[in-house]
Each structure stands twice: as C-alpha cells, then as structure tokens.
Amino acid sequence: MSKLPDLEGLAMFAKVAEERSFAGAARATGVSVATVSRAVSRLEERLGARLFNRTSRRLALTDFGHSLAERATRLYDDAEAAENAAREMSSRPRGLIRLAVPMSFGVRWVAPLLPDFFRLYPEISIDLHLSDATVDLVGEGFDAALRIAVPPDSSLVARRLCPVAPVVLAAPSYISRHGLPRHPRDLKDHHCLGYAYRRRQDIWHFTNSAGEEESVTPSGPLRVTNAEALVPMLLDGLAIAELPEFMAADHLADGRLTAILTEWSLPKGGLYFITPSARTRPARIGVLADFFVERLSEPAWRRSIDPACNSAHDS
C-alpha cells in the first residue's frame, strides 16, 4: 500500500457526503459517477471500513463515515483554497524572474529599462545574470533569457524582438596606416580581433549581392569573451574587429570608427526572448516578454545606425 494518503479518494468522499449522492458529487467535480464510485470504494478498502450504507433509494453515512466526513471536507476545502491561491499567484505578475542576458547588451540596453519595468510591476523582482556565455536555461534554473544570435536552439521557445547585424569596423587612423581592405580575403594581411563565444567557430563568413562567399579566420593579438573589450584596440587604431550594431552605433555616429567592407555582409542574427516552455507560463514572464517587445522591437541603435553612411569608401 502506498504511504501517501489517498487524497483523491478523500476528496471524492467529502463531495459525496456533502451532496448525499454519487451522481451529485460527479456533477460537482466534473467526472463520471463511475470515477466517484471507484474512488470511494478504493478508500473504503484502504481504510478497512464502510463509509456509506447504500440502498436503491437512499445513501447514508455510517458512523465511521460521520467520524471522517468533517476532516475530509476540511481537507477538500484547504486543497481547493491552496489551488485557487496558486492560480491567482500564477495569473498575477508577481514573484522572482531569473533572467540571463549578454553582458554588454544587458548593461547598455537592458539595465536602463528596468526602472520603468519595476514601476509598472512593483511585485516582480529580477535576478539579472550578465554573461556572454550561453547558459542552460533548464539545467541552471533560469526563467528566461535575451540572446543575440542566428536563430537559436529549437528546443526552446524563442520570440524574435528585432534583427541585429554585425558590423566590421576600423578606426580612420588604422586605415590611414594600413590601408583599406577591399575584399574579405585582404583581411589575412591585417590584425583582426577574435571573439571566444561565437556560437560555432570564430570564423567570419562574408557574402555579397552577387552571391560570392568568402570565409576569414580572424588573426590578431587579442581574443576576448566580451566584445566590449575589443573597443579600446579599435579606437586606438591597432586592429579591425566585428561588433554587433548595438555596440557599434555610438562609435560610428561620432566618426571614431568606420564600417568597412560594406558591400559584403556577415550573417545577420536577431535579438530573441527565450523561455524553456510556452505552456503554463507565469504572468510575470508574459509581462516581461511584452515589455521587451515594446521597448526593444525598434531600439535606438536601429533608428540611428546606418553603416553605409559611416563607411570607408574609395577616394
């Protein structure tokens, strides 16, 4: 015999005792009469005593049934209250969200949005995990993540917020000293900085409008796990690097960096809101997703950046 109490049997017994009818209990609980009868019979067998005296016209509690009915009814009411409270909690935007976000993107674009979010939803708290390493949402217990990538792992639920294009950049001073690469294959003669957390290998795959393809493995003095660390080398005119447009936008706008090889493109990724599952998603996750859709579908860097307007051209 199971050591766990027969909660279903006790609940069915409580409803039959309340309704004074197996059919009434079945209607109240939304199950068949046979299901109610089996549950009560199973409970009687488990307890070793009859709970009801049954005739063709009448159903009455036995003395043993009377002694158990009050406790069973209280148990049923407590369980119903607990379920209603849990349902209310899951439907209200409240509680903790464990959110994983790439470091530079989180500091620059997510953290400034959080005051508005907390003003809207004061009963939600966020544990913000900032790292460029791809976390295992299920294995590490995260509720959601923002990821910047070519379409992500299909085993997760992904909602695309906006495109994110990579930009190949150099400082004007670098171009003055080392010349302007005119074709991706020219990059083999230049210092090109690498990024350790590329989804596959650290290879730049270029294509152009004519359908030509060229792959380049960056070779230079620095490889990093956070792309922000590439910027000082770029600004000092020491190398070429690829940055996501949300990081490149300000430097392109003030002219400190220049987009190069603009007739070629690298695979365009996107910003995704990722969750382990879309089923039984708590309200707090839903409102966070909607908030990011509203604030990040047309982010400031998409409105301000135009690499072609800040690119190096032949003169």
C-alpha atoms as a PDB file:
ATOM      1  CA  MET A   1       0.000   0.000   0.000  1.00  0.00           C
ATOM      2  CA  SER A   2       1.223   3.487  -0.842  1.00  0.00           C
ATOM      3  CA  LYS A   3       2.441   5.518   2.115  1.00  0.00           C
ATOM      4  CA  LEU A   4       0.868   8.610   0.560  1.00  0.00           C
ATOM      5  CA  PRO A   5      -2.710   9.385   1.681  1.00  0.00           C
ATOM      6  CA  ASP A   6      -5.425   8.768  -0.884  1.00  0.00           C
ATOM      7  CA  LEU A   7      -6.211  12.446  -1.382  1.00  0.00           C
ATOM      8  CA  GLU A   8      -8.435  11.842  -4.384  1.00  0.00           C
ATOM      9  CA  GLY A   9     -10.468   9.263  -2.501  1.00  0.00           C
ATOM     10  CA  LEU A  10     -10.853  11.580   0.481  1.00  0.00           C
ATOM     11  CA  ALA A  11     -11.913  14.464  -1.791  1.00  0.00           C
ATOM     12  CA  MET A  12     -14.490  12.306  -3.593  1.00  0.00           C
ATOM     13  CA  PHE A  13     -15.785  11.011  -0.287  1.00  0.00           C
ATOM     14  CA  ALA A  14     -16.157  14.585   1.021  1.00  0.00           C
ATOM     15  CA  LYS A  15     -18.198  15.618  -2.045  1.00  0.00           C
ATOM     16  CA  VAL A  16     -20.442  12.551  -1.841  1.00  0.00           C
ATOM     17  CA  ALA A  17     -21.018  13.248   1.854  1.00  0.00           C
ATOM     18  CA  GLU A  18     -21.861  16.868   1.050  1.00  0.00           C
ATOM     19  CA  GLU A  19     -24.140  16.096  -1.906  1.00  0.00           C
ATOM     20  CA  ARG A  20     -25.642  12.938  -0.337  1.00  0.00           C
ATOM     21  CA  SER A  21     -25.338  11.448  -3.801  1.00  0.00           C
ATOM     22  CA  PHE A  22     -22.720   9.854  -6.041  1.00  0.00           C
ATOM     23  CA  ALA A  23     -24.339  11.495  -9.059  1.00  0.00           C
ATOM     24  CA  GLY A  24     -24.331  14.895  -7.336  1.00  0.00           C
ATOM     25  CA  ALA A  25     -20.643  14.522  -6.440  1.00  0.00           C
ATOM     26  CA  ALA A  26     -19.892  13.567 -10.049  1.00  0.00           C
ATOM     27  CA  ARG A  27     -21.636  16.705 -11.328  1.00  0.00           C
ATOM     28  CA  ALA A  28     -19.855  18.906  -8.767  1.00  0.00           C
ATOM     29  CA  THR A  29     -16.416  17.573  -9.613  1.00  0.00           C
ATOM     30  CA  GLY A  30     -16.910  17.192 -13.366  1.00  0.00           C
ATOM     31  CA  VAL A  31     -16.185  13.455 -13.511  1.00  0.00           C
ATOM     32  CA  SER A  32     -18.240  10.339 -14.124  1.00  0.00           C
ATOM     33  CA  VAL A  33     -20.304   8.569 -11.473  1.00  0.00           C
ATOM     34  CA  ALA A  34     -18.124   5.504 -12.034  1.00  0.00           C
ATOM     35  CA  THR A  35     -14.996   7.510 -11.208  1.00  0.00           C
ATOM     36  CA  VAL A  36     -16.539   8.737  -7.954  1.00  0.00           C
ATOM     37  CA  SER A  37     -17.701   5.252  -7.023  1.00  0.00           C
ATOM     38  CA  ARG A  38     -14.286   3.701  -7.700  1.00  0.00           C
ATOM     39  CA  ALA A  39     -12.519   6.365  -5.631  1.00  0.00           C
ATOM     40  CA  VAL A  40     -14.829   5.856  -2.636  1.00  0.00           C
ATOM     41  CA  SER A  41     -14.608   2.048  -2.888  1.00  0.00           C
ATOM     42  CA  ARG A  42     -10.806   2.270  -3.043  1.00  0.00           C
ATOM     43  CA  LEU A  43     -10.776   4.477   0.068  1.00  0.00           C
ATOM     44  CA  GLU A  44     -13.076   2.087   1.940  1.00  0.00           C
ATOM     45  CA  GLU A  45     -10.820  -0.838   1.046  1.00  0.00           C
ATOM     46  CA  ARG A  46      -7.764   1.111   2.166  1.00  0.00           C
ATOM     47  CA  LEU A  47      -9.356   2.104   5.492  1.00  0.00           C
ATOM     48  CA  GLY A  48     -10.963  -1.295   6.067  1.00  0.00           C
ATOM     49  CA  ALA A  49     -14.422   0.085   6.845  1.00  0.00           C
ATOM     50  CA  ARG A  50     -17.579   1.136   5.029  1.00  0.00           C
ATOM     51  CA  LEU A  51     -18.238   4.865   4.688  1.00  0.00           C
ATOM     52  CA  PHE A  52     -21.819   4.689   3.385  1.00  0.00           C
ATOM     53  CA  ASN A  53     -24.837   2.491   3.776  1.00  0.00           C
ATOM     54  CA  ARG A  54     -26.315   2.178   0.290  1.00  0.00           C
ATOM     55  CA  THR A  55     -29.799   1.147  -0.769  1.00  0.00           C
ATOM     56  CA  SER A  56     -31.517   1.632  -4.119  1.00  0.00           C
ATOM     57  CA  ARG A  57     -33.250   4.751  -2.748  1.00  0.00           C
ATOM     58  CA  ARG A  58     -31.013   6.077  -0.029  1.00  0.00           C
ATOM     59  CA  LEU A  59     -27.383   6.853   0.742  1.00  0.00           C
ATOM     60  CA  ALA A  60     -26.408   7.472   4.340  1.00  0.00           C
ATOM     61  CA  LEU A  61     -23.112   7.877   6.154  1.00  0.00           C
ATOM     62  CA  THR A  62     -22.077   5.128   8.526  1.00  0.00           C
ATOM     63  CA  ASP A  63     -20.887   6.059  11.997  1.00  0.00           C
ATOM     64  CA  PHE A  64     -17.327   5.629  10.716  1.00  0.00           C
ATOM     65  CA  GLY A  65     -18.193   7.826   7.720  1.00  0.00           C
ATOM     66  CA  HIS A  66     -19.559  10.521  10.031  1.00  0.00           C
ATOM     67  CA  SER A  67     -16.321  10.498  12.036  1.00  0.00           C
ATOM     68  CA  LEU A  68     -14.261  11.023   8.868  1.00  0.00           C
ATOM     69  CA  ALA A  69     -16.509  13.391   6.905  1.00  0.00           C
ATOM     70  CA  GLU A  70     -15.629  16.596   8.745  1.00  0.00           C
ATOM     71  CA  ARG A  71     -11.877  16.067   8.330  1.00  0.00           C
ATOM     72  CA  ALA A  72     -12.257  15.034   4.691  1.00  0.00           C
ATOM     73  CA  THR A  73     -14.355  18.140   3.980  1.00  0.00           C
ATOM     74  CA  ARG A  74     -11.774  20.365   5.672  1.00  0.00           C
ATOM     75  CA  LEU A  75      -9.029  18.700   3.624  1.00  0.00           C
ATOM     76  CA  TYR A  76     -11.021  19.276   0.426  1.00  0.00           C
ATOM     77  CA  ASP A  77     -11.625  22.944   1.276  1.00  0.00           C
ATOM     78  CA  ASP A  78      -7.950  23.519   2.140  1.00  0.00           C
ATOM     79  CA  ALA A  79      -6.808  21.919  -1.109  1.00  0.00           C
ATOM     80  CA  GLU A  80      -9.295  23.981  -3.110  1.00  0.00           C
ATOM     81  CA  ALA A  81      -8.138  27.180  -1.366  1.00  0.00           C
ATOM     82  CA  ALA A  82      -4.478  26.334  -1.989  1.00  0.00           C
ATOM     83  CA  GLU A  83      -5.160  25.689  -5.667  1.00  0.00           C
ATOM     84  CA  ASN A  84      -7.128  28.925  -6.045  1.00  0.00           C
ATOM     85  CA  ALA A  85      -4.346  30.891  -4.336  1.00  0.00           C
ATOM     86  CA  ALA A  86      -1.728  29.304  -6.579  1.00  0.00           C
ATOM     87  CA  ARG A  87      -3.828  30.028  -9.662  1.00  0.00           C
ATOM     88  CA  GLU A  88      -4.218  33.647  -8.595  1.00  0.00           C
ATOM     89  CA  MET A  89      -0.483  33.931  -7.974  1.00  0.00           C
ATOM     90  CA  SER A  90       0.367  32.483 -11.388  1.00  0.00           C
ATOM     91  CA  SER A  91      -2.081  34.842 -13.112  1.00  0.00           C
ATOM     92  CA  ARG A  92      -0.792  37.974 -11.354  1.00  0.00           C
ATOM     93  CA  PRO A  93       2.535  39.479 -12.396  1.00  0.00           C
ATOM     94  CA  ARG A  94       4.479  38.903  -9.212  1.00  0.00           C
ATOM     95  CA  GLY A  95       7.479  36.938  -7.951  1.00  0.00           C
ATOM     96  CA  LEU A  96      11.107  36.409  -8.954  1.00  0.00           C
ATOM     97  CA  ILE A  97      12.391  36.163 -12.539  1.00  0.00           C
ATOM     98  CA  ARG A  98      15.859  34.702 -13.147  1.00  0.00           C
ATOM     99  CA  LEU A  99      16.920  36.390 -16.378  1.00  0.00           C
ATOM    100  CA  ALA A 100      20.135  35.750 -18.346  1.00  0.00           C
ATOM    101  CA  VAL A 101      21.399  38.500 -20.675  1.00  0.00           C
ATOM    102  CA  PRO A 102      24.676  39.052 -22.590  1.00  0.00           C
ATOM    103  CA  MET A 103      26.883  41.317 -20.501  1.00  0.00           C
ATOM    104  CA  SER A 104      27.452  44.371 -22.703  1.00  0.00           C
ATOM    105  CA  PHE A 105      23.915  44.331 -24.063  1.00  0.00           C
ATOM    106  CA  GLY A 106      22.494  43.969 -20.559  1.00  0.00           C
ATOM    107  CA  VAL A 107      24.489  46.888 -19.136  1.00  0.00           C
ATOM    108  CA  ARG A 108      23.920  49.191 -22.105  1.00  0.00           C
ATOM    109  CA  TRP A 109      20.358  48.377 -23.197  1.00  0.00           C
ATOM    110  CA  VAL A 110      18.527  46.291 -20.573  1.00  0.00           C
ATOM    111  CA  ALA A 111      19.541  47.862 -17.247  1.00  0.00           C
ATOM    112  CA  PRO A 112      18.313  51.350 -18.299  1.00  0.00           C
ATOM    113  CA  LEU A 113      14.854  49.867 -18.998  1.00  0.00           C
ATOM    114  CA  LEU A 114      14.443  48.215 -15.602  1.00  0.00           C
ATOM    115  CA  PRO A 115      13.309  51.271 -13.599  1.00  0.00           C
ATOM    116  CA  ASP A 116      10.301  51.626 -15.924  1.00  0.00           C
ATOM    117  CA  PHE A 117       9.576  47.904 -15.647  1.00  0.00           C
ATOM    118  CA  PHE A 118       9.643  47.930 -11.848  1.00  0.00           C
ATOM    119  CA  ARG A 119       7.393  50.996 -11.758  1.00  0.00           C
ATOM    120  CA  LEU A 120       4.869  49.060 -13.849  1.00  0.00           C
ATOM    121  CA  TYR A 121       5.227  45.802 -11.896  1.00  0.00           C
ATOM    122  CA  PRO A 122       6.320  46.511  -8.319  1.00  0.00           C
ATOM    123  CA  GLU A 123       5.579  42.940  -7.173  1.00  0.00           C
ATOM    124  CA  ILE A 124       8.164  41.447  -9.566  1.00  0.00           C
ATOM    125  CA  SER A 125      11.849  41.114  -8.777  1.00  0.00           C
ATOM    126  CA  ILE A 126      14.596  40.156 -11.236  1.00  0.00           C
ATOM    127  CA  ASP A 127      17.806  38.246 -10.678  1.00  0.00           C
ATOM    128  CA  LEU A 128      19.804  39.567 -13.666  1.00  0.00           C
ATOM    129  CA  HIS A 129      22.627  37.263 -14.759  1.00  0.00           C
ATOM    130  CA  LEU A 130      25.087  39.067 -17.052  1.00  0.00           C
ATOM    131  CA  SER A 131      27.411  36.852 -19.083  1.00  0.00           C
ATOM    132  CA  ASP A 132      28.287  36.311 -22.726  1.00  0.00           C
ATOM    133  CA  ALA A 133      28.424  32.542 -22.136  1.00  0.00           C
ATOM    134  CA  THR A 134      25.283  30.733 -23.299  1.00  0.00           C
ATOM    135  CA  VAL A 135      23.507  29.434 -20.200  1.00  0.00           C
ATOM    136  CA  ASP A 136      21.488  26.235 -19.953  1.00  0.00           C
ATOM    137  CA  LEU A 137      18.091  27.704 -19.096  1.00  0.00           C
ATOM    138  CA  VAL A 138      16.577  24.449 -17.865  1.00  0.00           C
ATOM    139  CA  GLY A 139      19.682  22.984 -16.228  1.00  0.00           C
ATOM    140  CA  GLU A 140      20.644  26.216 -14.455  1.00  0.00           C
ATOM    141  CA  GLY A 141      17.126  27.172 -13.423  1.00  0.00           C
ATOM    142  CA  PHE A 142      16.613  30.335 -15.488  1.00  0.00           C
ATOM    143  CA  ASP A 143      13.121  31.556 -16.286  1.00  0.00           C
ATOM    144  CA  ALA A 144      14.097  33.480 -19.414  1.00  0.00           C
ATOM    145  CA  ALA A 145      16.982  34.897 -21.399  1.00  0.00           C
ATOM    146  CA  LEU A 146      17.739  37.510 -24.010  1.00  0.00           C
ATOM    147  CA  ARG A 147      20.051  36.133 -26.678  1.00  0.00           C
ATOM    148  CA  ILE A 148      21.685  37.701 -29.689  1.00  0.00           C
ATOM    149  CA  ALA A 149      22.311  35.062 -32.313  1.00  0.00           C
ATOM    150  CA  VAL A 150      21.463  33.460 -35.586  1.00  0.00           C
ATOM    151  CA  PRO A 151      18.146  31.588 -34.873  1.00  0.00           C
ATOM    152  CA  PRO A 152      18.595  29.807 -31.532  1.00  0.00           C
ATOM    153  CA  ASP A 153      18.132  26.296 -30.165  1.00  0.00           C
ATOM    154  CA  SER A 154      14.799  24.975 -31.442  1.00  0.00           C
ATOM    155  CA  SER A 155      14.236  23.049 -28.204  1.00  0.00           C
ATOM    156  CA  LEU A 156      13.495  26.388 -26.509  1.00  0.00           C
ATOM    157  CA  VAL A 157      10.663  28.839 -27.130  1.00  0.00           C
ATOM    158  CA  ALA A 158      12.055  31.910 -28.896  1.00  0.00           C
ATOM    159  CA  ARG A 159      10.334  35.214 -29.631  1.00  0.00           C
ATOM    160  CA  ARG A 160      12.268  37.420 -32.059  1.00  0.00           C
ATOM    161  CA  LEU A 161      12.351  41.061 -30.995  1.00  0.00           C
ATOM    162  CA  CYS A 162      14.472  42.664 -33.701  1.00  0.00           C
ATOM    163  CA  PRO A 163      17.313  41.951 -36.151  1.00  0.00           C
ATOM    164  CA  VAL A 164      20.900  42.510 -35.036  1.00  0.00           C
ATOM    165  CA  ALA A 165      23.511  42.986 -37.754  1.00  0.00           C
ATOM    166  CA  PRO A 166      27.263  42.637 -37.237  1.00  0.00           C
ATOM    167  CA  VAL A 167      29.499  45.447 -38.491  1.00  0.00           C
ATOM    168  CA  VAL A 168      33.194  45.134 -39.438  1.00  0.00           C
ATOM    169  CA  LEU A 169      34.996  48.201 -38.141  1.00  0.00           C
ATOM    170  CA  ALA A 170      38.295  50.026 -38.051  1.00  0.00           C
ATOM    171  CA  ALA A 171      39.422  53.449 -36.868  1.00  0.00           C
ATOM    172  CA  PRO A 172      40.286  56.046 -39.553  1.00  0.00           C
ATOM    173  CA  SER A 173      43.829  56.083 -38.136  1.00  0.00           C
ATOM    174  CA  TYR A 174      44.164  52.322 -38.744  1.00  0.00           C
ATOM    175  CA  ILE A 175      43.012  52.718 -42.355  1.00  0.00           C
ATOM    176  CA  SER A 176      45.442  55.593 -42.869  1.00  0.00           C
ATOM    177  CA  ARG A 177      48.376  53.465 -41.684  1.00  0.00           C
ATOM    178  CA  HIS A 178      47.457  50.031 -43.056  1.00  0.00           C
ATOM    179  CA  GLY A 179      45.163  50.743 -45.990  1.00  0.00           C
ATOM    180  CA  LEU A 180      41.562  49.845 -46.665  1.00  0.00           C
ATOM    181  CA  PRO A 181      40.686  46.168 -47.206  1.00  0.00           C
ATOM    182  CA  ARG A 182      38.760  45.962 -50.483  1.00  0.00           C
ATOM    183  CA  HIS A 183      37.864  42.262 -50.309  1.00  0.00           C
ATOM    184  CA  PRO A 184      37.439  39.896 -47.344  1.00  0.00           C
ATOM    185  CA  ARG A 185      40.498  37.941 -48.456  1.00  0.00           C
ATOM    186  CA  ASP A 186      42.571  41.102 -47.860  1.00  0.00           C
ATOM    187  CA  LEU A 187      41.924  40.690 -44.118  1.00  0.00           C
ATOM    188  CA  LYS A 188      44.599  37.990 -43.931  1.00  0.00           C
ATOM    189  CA  ASP A 189      47.143  40.817 -44.073  1.00  0.00           C
ATOM    190  CA  HIS A 190      45.508  42.722 -41.192  1.00  0.00           C
ATOM    191  CA  HIS A 191      45.172  42.362 -37.434  1.00  0.00           C
ATOM    192  CA  CYS A 192      41.621  41.092 -36.868  1.00  0.00           C
ATOM    193  CA  LEU A 193      40.428  40.587 -33.315  1.00  0.00           C
ATOM    194  CA  GLY A 194      38.506  37.487 -32.233  1.00  0.00           C
ATOM    195  CA  TYR A 195      35.507  36.714 -30.016  1.00  0.00           C
ATOM    196  CA  ALA A 196      35.533  33.493 -27.994  1.00  0.00           C
ATOM    197  CA  TYR A 197      31.798  32.968 -27.552  1.00  0.00           C
ATOM    198  CA  ARG A 198      30.765  32.770 -31.195  1.00  0.00           C
ATOM    199  CA  ARG A 199      28.162  30.007 -31.448  1.00  0.00           C
ATOM    200  CA  ARG A 200      30.368  27.863 -33.621  1.00  0.00           C
ATOM    201  CA  GLN A 201      33.953  28.586 -34.671  1.00  0.00           C
ATOM    202  CA  ASP A 202      35.333  32.101 -34.695  1.00  0.00           C
ATOM    203  CA  ILE A 203      35.128  32.491 -38.483  1.00  0.00           C
ATOM    204  CA  TRP A 204      33.758  35.463 -40.401  1.00  0.00           C
ATOM    205  CA  HIS A 205      31.542  34.256 -43.251  1.00  0.00           C
ATOM    206  CA  PHE A 206      31.066  37.017 -45.848  1.00  0.00           C
ATOM    207  CA  THR A 207      28.613  37.124 -48.763  1.00  0.00           C
ATOM    208  CA  ASN A 208      27.834  39.861 -51.285  1.00  0.00           C
ATOM    209  CA  SER A 209      24.900  40.744 -53.500  1.00  0.00           C
ATOM    210  CA  ALA A 210      26.379  38.699 -56.364  1.00  0.00           C
ATOM    211  CA  GLY A 211      26.265  35.567 -54.214  1.00  0.00           C
ATOM    212  CA  GLU A 212      30.013  35.333 -53.724  1.00  0.00           C
ATOM    213  CA  GLU A 213      31.189  33.870 -50.425  1.00  0.00           C
ATOM    214  CA  GLU A 214      34.419  34.250 -48.507  1.00  0.00           C
ATOM    215  CA  SER A 215      35.380  32.933 -45.076  1.00  0.00           C
ATOM    216  CA  VAL A 216      38.033  34.548 -42.898  1.00  0.00           C
ATOM    217  CA  THR A 217      39.507  33.367 -39.618  1.00  0.00           C
ATOM    218  CA  PRO A 218      40.420  36.471 -37.594  1.00  0.00           C
ATOM    219  CA  SER A 219      44.083  36.532 -36.642  1.00  0.00           C
ATOM    220  CA  GLY A 220      45.351  39.172 -34.286  1.00  0.00           C
ATOM    221  CA  PRO A 221      46.860  39.841 -30.862  1.00  0.00           C
ATOM    222  CA  LEU A 222      43.608  39.751 -28.860  1.00  0.00           C
ATOM    223  CA  ARG A 223      40.704  37.344 -28.406  1.00  0.00           C
ATOM    224  CA  VAL A 224      38.026  38.113 -25.821  1.00  0.00           C
ATOM    225  CA  THR A 225      34.971  36.704 -24.079  1.00  0.00           C
ATOM    226  CA  ASN A 226      33.221  40.091 -24.087  1.00  0.00           C
ATOM    227  CA  ALA A 227      33.133  42.155 -27.261  1.00  0.00           C
ATOM    228  CA  GLU A 228      33.307  45.431 -25.310  1.00  0.00           C
ATOM    229  CA  ALA A 229      36.953  44.610 -24.617  1.00  0.00           C
ATOM    230  CA  LEU A 230      37.697  44.931 -28.335  1.00  0.00           C
ATOM    231  CA  VAL A 231      36.708  48.596 -28.468  1.00  0.00           C
ATOM    232  CA  PRO A 232      39.882  50.149 -26.948  1.00  0.00           C
ATOM    233  CA  MET A 233      42.038  48.331 -29.513  1.00  0.00           C
ATOM    234  CA  LEU A 234      39.766  49.571 -32.279  1.00  0.00           C
ATOM    235  CA  LEU A 235      39.690  53.163 -31.062  1.00  0.00           C
ATOM    236  CA  ASP A 236      43.473  53.182 -30.721  1.00  0.00           C
ATOM    237  CA  GLY A 237      43.804  52.227 -34.373  1.00  0.00           C
ATOM    238  CA  LEU A 238      45.516  48.900 -33.699  1.00  0.00           C
ATOM    239  CA  ALA A 239      43.166  46.411 -35.365  1.00  0.00           C
ATOM    240  CA  ILE A 240      39.964  45.540 -37.200  1.00  0.00           C
ATOM    241  CA  ALA A 241      37.068  43.836 -35.409  1.00  0.00           C
ATOM    242  CA  GLU A 242      33.464  42.825 -35.865  1.00  0.00           C
ATOM    243  CA  LEU A 243      30.963  44.296 -33.383  1.00  0.00           C
ATOM    244  CA  PRO A 244      27.185  43.970 -33.116  1.00  0.00           C
ATOM    245  CA  GLU A 245      25.438  47.101 -34.317  1.00  0.00           C
ATOM    246  CA  PHE A 246      24.072  47.939 -30.850  1.00  0.00           C
ATOM    247  CA  MET A 247      27.679  48.307 -29.700  1.00  0.00           C
ATOM    248  CA  ALA A 248      28.999  49.962 -32.871  1.00  0.00           C
ATOM    249  CA  ALA A 249      26.275  52.614 -33.255  1.00  0.00           C
ATOM    250  CA  ASP A 250      27.695  55.332 -30.990  1.00  0.00           C
ATOM    251  CA  HIS A 251      31.237  54.989 -32.355  1.00  0.00           C
ATOM    252  CA  LEU A 252      30.012  55.150 -35.939  1.00  0.00           C
ATOM    253  CA  ALA A 253      27.870  58.178 -35.175  1.00  0.00           C
ATOM    254  CA  ASP A 254      30.776  60.186 -33.745  1.00  0.00           C
ATOM    255  CA  GLY A 255      33.163  59.096 -36.510  1.00  0.00           C
ATOM    256  CA  ARG A 256      35.677  57.410 -34.214  1.00  0.00           C
ATOM    257  CA  LEU A 257      35.120  54.121 -36.074  1.00  0.00           C
ATOM    258  CA  THR A 258      34.320  53.399 -39.705  1.00  0.00           C
ATOM    259  CA  ALA A 259      32.409  50.476 -41.218  1.00  0.00           C
ATOM    260  CA  ILE A 260      34.472  48.646 -43.836  1.00  0.00           C
ATOM    261  CA  LEU A 261      33.682  46.026 -46.494  1.00  0.00           C
ATOM    262  CA  THR A 262      30.147  47.391 -46.600  1.00  0.00           C
ATOM    263  CA  GLU A 263      29.447  45.697 -49.929  1.00  0.00           C
ATOM    264  CA  TRP A 264      29.812  42.408 -48.072  1.00  0.00           C
ATOM    265  CA  SER A 265      27.684  41.177 -45.186  1.00  0.00           C
ATOM    266  CA  LEU A 266      28.062  38.753 -42.316  1.00  0.00           C
ATOM    267  CA  PRO A 267      25.167  36.508 -41.212  1.00  0.00           C
ATOM    268  CA  LYS A 268      22.539  38.681 -39.576  1.00  0.00           C
ATOM    269  CA  GLY A 269      21.280  37.462 -36.239  1.00  0.00           C
ATOM    270  CA  GLY A 270      18.498  38.661 -34.043  1.00  0.00           C
ATOM    271  CA  LEU A 271      17.581  39.578 -30.504  1.00  0.00           C
ATOM    272  CA  TYR A 272      15.423  36.821 -29.009  1.00  0.00           C
ATOM    273  CA  PHE A 273      13.420  36.474 -25.816  1.00  0.00           C
ATOM    274  CA  ILE A 274      13.916  32.831 -24.829  1.00  0.00           C
ATOM    275  CA  THR A 275      11.962  30.698 -22.363  1.00  0.00           C
ATOM    276  CA  PRO A 276      12.091  26.971 -21.582  1.00  0.00           C
ATOM    277  CA  SER A 277       8.406  26.471 -22.379  1.00  0.00           C
ATOM    278  CA  ALA A 278       5.357  28.432 -23.524  1.00  0.00           C
ATOM    279  CA  ARG A 279       2.962  26.215 -21.555  1.00  0.00           C
ATOM    280  CA  THR A 280       1.827  27.289 -18.089  1.00  0.00           C
ATOM    281  CA  ARG A 281       3.977  30.422 -18.352  1.00  0.00           C
ATOM    282  CA  PRO A 282       3.555  32.564 -15.214  1.00  0.00           C
ATOM    283  CA  ALA A 283       2.139  36.035 -15.687  1.00  0.00           C
ATOM    284  CA  ARG A 284       5.420  37.639 -14.625  1.00  0.00           C
ATOM    285  CA  ILE A 285       7.197  36.056 -17.621  1.00  0.00           C
ATOM    286  CA  GLY A 286       4.452  37.128 -20.002  1.00  0.00           C
ATOM    287  CA  VAL A 287       4.565  40.771 -18.941  1.00  0.00           C
ATOM    288  CA  LEU A 288       8.376  40.821 -19.163  1.00  0.00           C
ATOM    289  CA  ALA A 289       8.190  39.430 -22.711  1.00  0.00           C
ATOM    290  CA  ASP A 290       5.597  42.046 -23.691  1.00  0.00           C
ATOM    291  CA  PHE A 291       7.687  44.802 -22.106  1.00  0.00           C
ATOM    292  CA  PHE A 292      10.776  43.825 -24.113  1.00  0.00           C
ATOM    293  CA  VAL A 293       8.701  43.589 -27.306  1.00  0.00           C
ATOM    294  CA  GLU A 294       7.507  47.149 -26.727  1.00  0.00           C
ATOM    295  CA  ARG A 295      10.918  48.587 -25.820  1.00  0.00           C
ATOM    296  CA  LEU A 296      13.324  46.582 -27.973  1.00  0.00           C
ATOM    297  CA  SER A 297      11.480  45.893 -31.237  1.00  0.00           C
ATOM    298  CA  GLU A 298      12.583  49.305 -32.537  1.00  0.00           C
ATOM    299  CA  PRO A 299      15.577  50.119 -30.327  1.00  0.00           C
ATOM    300  CA  ALA A 300      17.525  53.357 -30.567  1.00  0.00           C
ATOM    301  CA  TRP A 301      20.503  51.794 -32.312  1.00  0.00           C
ATOM    302  CA  ARG A 302      18.231  50.561 -35.137  1.00  0.00           C
ATOM    303  CA  ARG A 303      16.888  54.065 -35.642  1.00  0.00           C
ATOM    304  CA  SER A 304      20.273  55.789 -35.577  1.00  0.00           C
ATOM    305  CA  ILE A 305      22.742  53.456 -37.248  1.00  0.00           C
ATOM    306  CA  ASP A 306      23.365  53.298 -40.983  1.00  0.00           C
ATOM    307  CA  PRO A 307      26.737  51.684 -41.563  1.00  0.00           C
ATOM    308  CA  ALA A 308      26.725  52.721 -45.178  1.00  0.00           C
ATOM    309  CA  CYS A 309      26.689  56.374 -44.094  1.00  0.00           C
ATOM    310  CA  ASN A 310      29.734  55.827 -41.882  1.00  0.00           C
ATOM    311  CA  SER A 311      31.740  53.549 -44.143  1.00  0.00           C
ATOM    312  CA  ALA A 312      35.121  53.951 -45.735  1.00  0.00           C
ATOM    313  CA  HIS A 313      34.889  54.353 -49.497  1.00  0.00           C
ATOM    314  CA  ASP A 314      37.473  54.542 -52.225  1.00  0.00           C
ATOM    315  CA  SER A 315      38.574  58.084 -52.950  1.00  0.00           C
END
